[in-house]
């Protein structure tokens, strides 16, 4: 006889589904800075009650992906220039270290995978697909960093990506990209050559250059 799930398990499952759905949307720039959300609207969209919607929002607020005013209004963050510069510095610290740790494990299959993803980035850029660009760009970086075998550090980097998602969407509109990021090719070349200083420089420049423009 199949066990009937308890109400707490159903609520947890619903909360997790809402959390993951909103988290992905925010990280990939499907919401711009300052976009408001309501628990009622989230509940309707995900077909859940107010409780899992509230739990998911509270979790995302704690991670800095959403902000809540004293009156309870929820929205995506509008980051100050100082905050953008801080998060850019965190990206540089974390992602340079992750890339450096990944280098000894950068076999040809990984390099070929990165080349394929970079080709996909070129396609979404040519189609002016902002969300597709942010998603595939993060896939490029995550694919490399997974080889570092440093899950705690990668989780910290993903939290930074999450906080920057709406800002990255605004940045994409400002840059009006017409080609894939040039530093990805330098990252791949450094991996092929086993060039750690070159890899560290290429990653640092890639993850900070655009954010410097928006904070200027």
Foldseek 3Di string as FASTA:
>chain_A
DDDDDDPVVVLVVLLVVLLVVVLLCLLLQVDAAFAWDDLVVSCVVSVHDSVSSVVSQVVCCVLLLWPADPVGTIGGHDDALVRLVVLLVLQLVLLLVLLLLLLVVCDPVLLVVLVVLQVQLFVCLQVLNSSSNSVSVVVSSVSSSVSSVPVVSVVVNSSSSSSCRNVSSVLCVVVSDNGGDPLSVQLSVCSVVVPSVSNSVSSSCVSRVSSVVVSD
